[in-house]
Amino acid sequence: MTATAAFEYGTNRDFAAPYAVKDGTGSAWWPPADGKPDGDYLLAPPHPADRVGTAIDPRDRRRLELHAALTAAGIPPRPEDREAIESLSALSAGINTTIQRWLHHTL
C-alpha cells in the first residue's frame, strides 16, 4: 500500500470512535456519562479501579519507548531487529534517553 492509496477512495469516511454508537440512520452518539448503558455498544468504558497495579520493569519500559521512538521517526522495527532492540534496552536509562533524543531529532 502506497502513501497515496489511503486517499484513492475519496474523503467520505465514517466517524470512528471506540465508544460511539451508530443508530439506524447512520449518525453516531455517545453512551450516557453516568456509566449505565441505555443502548447497545461494543465496549464498556474503562474503570480505573479495575487496572492491574503492577509496574513495568525498567528494561521493558525502555524497550517499549525505543519501539515507539523508532516508529515515530519513520523506522518501524522489523522482527529481525528484535535482538538489537533487546540489547539496546539492556543499556542504562541515560543511554536510552540519548538514543531516543537522536531519533526524535531525525523528524
C-alpha atoms as a PDB file:
ATOM      1  CA  MET A   1       0.000   0.000   0.000  1.00  0.00           C
ATOM      2  CA  THR A   2       1.429   3.325  -1.018  1.00  0.00           C
ATOM      3  CA  ALA A   3       1.137   6.552   0.926  1.00  0.00           C
ATOM      4  CA  THR A   4      -1.463   7.836  -1.524  1.00  0.00           C
ATOM      5  CA  ALA A   5      -3.509   4.616  -1.540  1.00  0.00           C
ATOM      6  CA  ALA A   6      -5.380   5.746   1.557  1.00  0.00           C
ATOM      7  CA  PHE A   7      -6.809   8.703  -0.384  1.00  0.00           C
ATOM      8  CA  GLU A   8      -7.832   6.819  -3.515  1.00  0.00           C
ATOM      9  CA  TYR A   9     -11.290   6.091  -2.162  1.00  0.00           C
ATOM     10  CA  GLY A  10     -12.360   9.688  -1.534  1.00  0.00           C
ATOM     11  CA  THR A  11     -12.819  11.709   1.613  1.00  0.00           C
ATOM     12  CA  ASN A  12     -16.176  10.237   2.736  1.00  0.00           C
ATOM     13  CA  ARG A  13     -15.239   8.380   5.900  1.00  0.00           C
ATOM     14  CA  ASP A  14     -17.374   7.193   8.783  1.00  0.00           C
ATOM     15  CA  PHE A  15     -16.926   8.660  12.222  1.00  0.00           C
ATOM     16  CA  ALA A  16     -14.749   6.232  14.163  1.00  0.00           C
ATOM     17  CA  ALA A  17     -14.669   6.264  17.953  1.00  0.00           C
ATOM     18  CA  PRO A  18     -14.478   3.201  20.187  1.00  0.00           C
ATOM     19  CA  TYR A  19     -17.343   4.260  22.474  1.00  0.00           C
ATOM     20  CA  ALA A  20     -19.607   5.863  19.888  1.00  0.00           C
ATOM     21  CA  VAL A  21     -22.706   4.002  18.762  1.00  0.00           C
ATOM     22  CA  LYS A  22     -24.443   4.283  15.411  1.00  0.00           C
ATOM     23  CA  ASP A  23     -28.186   4.173  15.227  1.00  0.00           C
ATOM     24  CA  GLY A  24     -30.220   3.034  12.224  1.00  0.00           C
ATOM     25  CA  THR A  25     -29.811   6.392  10.470  1.00  0.00           C
ATOM     26  CA  GLY A  26     -26.012   6.209  10.466  1.00  0.00           C
ATOM     27  CA  SER A  27     -25.429   9.040  12.937  1.00  0.00           C
ATOM     28  CA  ALA A  28     -23.175   8.433  15.936  1.00  0.00           C
ATOM     29  CA  TRP A  29     -23.986   9.121  19.575  1.00  0.00           C
ATOM     30  CA  TRP A  30     -22.202   8.599  22.879  1.00  0.00           C
ATOM     31  CA  PRO A  31     -23.438   6.391  25.722  1.00  0.00           C
ATOM     32  CA  PRO A  32     -24.557   8.208  28.880  1.00  0.00           C
ATOM     33  CA  ALA A  33     -21.792   9.589  31.073  1.00  0.00           C
ATOM     34  CA  ASP A  34     -23.145   8.032  34.268  1.00  0.00           C
ATOM     35  CA  GLY A  35     -21.803   4.645  33.163  1.00  0.00           C
ATOM     36  CA  LYS A  36     -25.215   2.979  32.930  1.00  0.00           C
ATOM     37  CA  PRO A  37     -25.731   1.867  29.356  1.00  0.00           C
ATOM     38  CA  ASP A  38     -29.169   2.517  27.913  1.00  0.00           C
ATOM     39  CA  GLY A  39     -28.243   1.160  24.500  1.00  0.00           C
ATOM     40  CA  ASP A  40     -26.156  -1.462  22.805  1.00  0.00           C
ATOM     41  CA  TYR A  41     -22.485  -0.658  22.204  1.00  0.00           C
ATOM     42  CA  LEU A  42     -19.363  -2.729  21.757  1.00  0.00           C
ATOM     43  CA  LEU A  43     -17.039  -1.647  24.586  1.00  0.00           C
ATOM     44  CA  ALA A  44     -17.827  -0.621  28.105  1.00  0.00           C
ATOM     45  CA  PRO A  45     -15.983   2.469  29.354  1.00  0.00           C
ATOM     46  CA  PRO A  46     -12.788   1.578  31.247  1.00  0.00           C
ATOM     47  CA  HIS A  47     -12.860   1.593  35.034  1.00  0.00           C
ATOM     48  CA  PRO A  48      -9.638   2.934  36.628  1.00  0.00           C
ATOM     49  CA  ALA A  49     -10.220   0.807  39.737  1.00  0.00           C
ATOM     50  CA  ASP A  50     -10.011  -2.370  37.614  1.00  0.00           C
ATOM     51  CA  ARG A  51      -6.473  -1.682  36.405  1.00  0.00           C
ATOM     52  CA  VAL A  52      -3.680  -4.011  37.419  1.00  0.00           C
ATOM     53  CA  GLY A  53      -1.436  -2.321  39.948  1.00  0.00           C
ATOM     54  CA  THR A  54       1.889  -3.723  38.757  1.00  0.00           C
ATOM     55  CA  ALA A  55       4.754  -1.636  37.465  1.00  0.00           C
ATOM     56  CA  ILE A  56       6.577  -2.327  34.215  1.00  0.00           C
ATOM     57  CA  ASP A  57      10.181  -3.442  34.537  1.00  0.00           C
ATOM     58  CA  PRO A  58      12.548  -0.567  33.581  1.00  0.00           C
ATOM     59  CA  ARG A  59      14.130  -2.678  30.843  1.00  0.00           C
ATOM     60  CA  ASP A  60      10.703  -3.448  29.341  1.00  0.00           C
ATOM     61  CA  ARG A  61       9.747   0.237  29.551  1.00  0.00           C
ATOM     62  CA  ARG A  62      12.940   1.225  27.707  1.00  0.00           C
ATOM     63  CA  ARG A  63      12.207  -1.426  25.064  1.00  0.00           C
ATOM     64  CA  LEU A  64       8.671  -0.097  24.537  1.00  0.00           C
ATOM     65  CA  GLU A  65       9.899   3.502  24.443  1.00  0.00           C
ATOM     66  CA  LEU A  66      12.561   2.556  21.897  1.00  0.00           C
ATOM     67  CA  HIS A  67       9.932   0.847  19.724  1.00  0.00           C
ATOM     68  CA  ALA A  68       7.764   3.978  19.941  1.00  0.00           C
ATOM     69  CA  ALA A  69      10.676   6.330  19.151  1.00  0.00           C
ATOM     70  CA  LEU A  70      11.729   4.259  16.132  1.00  0.00           C
ATOM     71  CA  THR A  71       8.178   4.122  14.814  1.00  0.00           C
ATOM     72  CA  ALA A  72       7.662   7.859  15.338  1.00  0.00           C
ATOM     73  CA  ALA A  73      10.910   8.539  13.450  1.00  0.00           C
ATOM     74  CA  GLY A  74       9.562   6.558  10.487  1.00  0.00           C
ATOM     75  CA  ILE A  75      11.692   3.481  11.153  1.00  0.00           C
ATOM     76  CA  PRO A  76       9.241   0.781  12.233  1.00  0.00           C
ATOM     77  CA  PRO A  77      11.130  -2.104  13.826  1.00  0.00           C
ATOM     78  CA  ARG A  78      11.149  -5.362  11.906  1.00  0.00           C
ATOM     79  CA  PRO A  79      11.053  -8.806  13.529  1.00  0.00           C
ATOM     80  CA  GLU A  80      14.740  -9.317  12.760  1.00  0.00           C
ATOM     81  CA  ASP A  81      15.536  -6.126  14.751  1.00  0.00           C
ATOM     82  CA  ARG A  82      14.394  -7.737  17.994  1.00  0.00           C
ATOM     83  CA  GLU A  83      17.865  -8.793  19.154  1.00  0.00           C
ATOM     84  CA  ALA A  84      19.286  -5.300  18.605  1.00  0.00           C
ATOM     85  CA  ILE A  85      16.379  -3.663  20.438  1.00  0.00           C
ATOM     86  CA  GLU A  86      16.732  -6.098  23.339  1.00  0.00           C
ATOM     87  CA  SER A  87      20.466  -5.305  23.571  1.00  0.00           C
ATOM     88  CA  LEU A  88      19.843  -1.542  23.458  1.00  0.00           C
ATOM     89  CA  SER A  89      17.116  -1.732  26.095  1.00  0.00           C
ATOM     90  CA  ALA A  90      19.546  -3.530  28.416  1.00  0.00           C
ATOM     91  CA  LEU A  91      21.767  -0.426  28.453  1.00  0.00           C
ATOM     92  CA  SER A  92      21.323   2.279  31.072  1.00  0.00           C
ATOM     93  CA  ALA A  93      18.404   4.709  31.088  1.00  0.00           C
ATOM     94  CA  GLY A  94      20.724   7.612  30.193  1.00  0.00           C
ATOM     95  CA  ILE A  95      21.967   5.891  27.042  1.00  0.00           C
ATOM     96  CA  ASN A  96      18.408   5.048  26.015  1.00  0.00           C
ATOM     97  CA  THR A  97      17.318   8.645  26.572  1.00  0.00           C
ATOM     98  CA  THR A  98      20.150   9.807  24.314  1.00  0.00           C
ATOM     99  CA  ILE A  99      19.190   7.321  21.573  1.00  0.00           C
ATOM    100  CA  GLN A 100      15.566   8.435  21.764  1.00  0.00           C
ATOM    101  CA  ARG A 101      16.614  12.092  21.613  1.00  0.00           C
ATOM    102  CA  TRP A 102      18.659  11.362  18.474  1.00  0.00           C
ATOM    103  CA  LEU A 103      15.676   9.632  16.898  1.00  0.00           C
ATOM    104  CA  HIS A 104      13.399  12.492  17.876  1.00  0.00           C
ATOM    105  CA  HIS A 105      15.664  14.992  16.107  1.00  0.00           C
ATOM    106  CA  THR A 106      15.560  12.978  12.865  1.00  0.00           C
ATOM    107  CA  LEU A 107      11.943  14.059  12.355  1.00  0.00           C
END
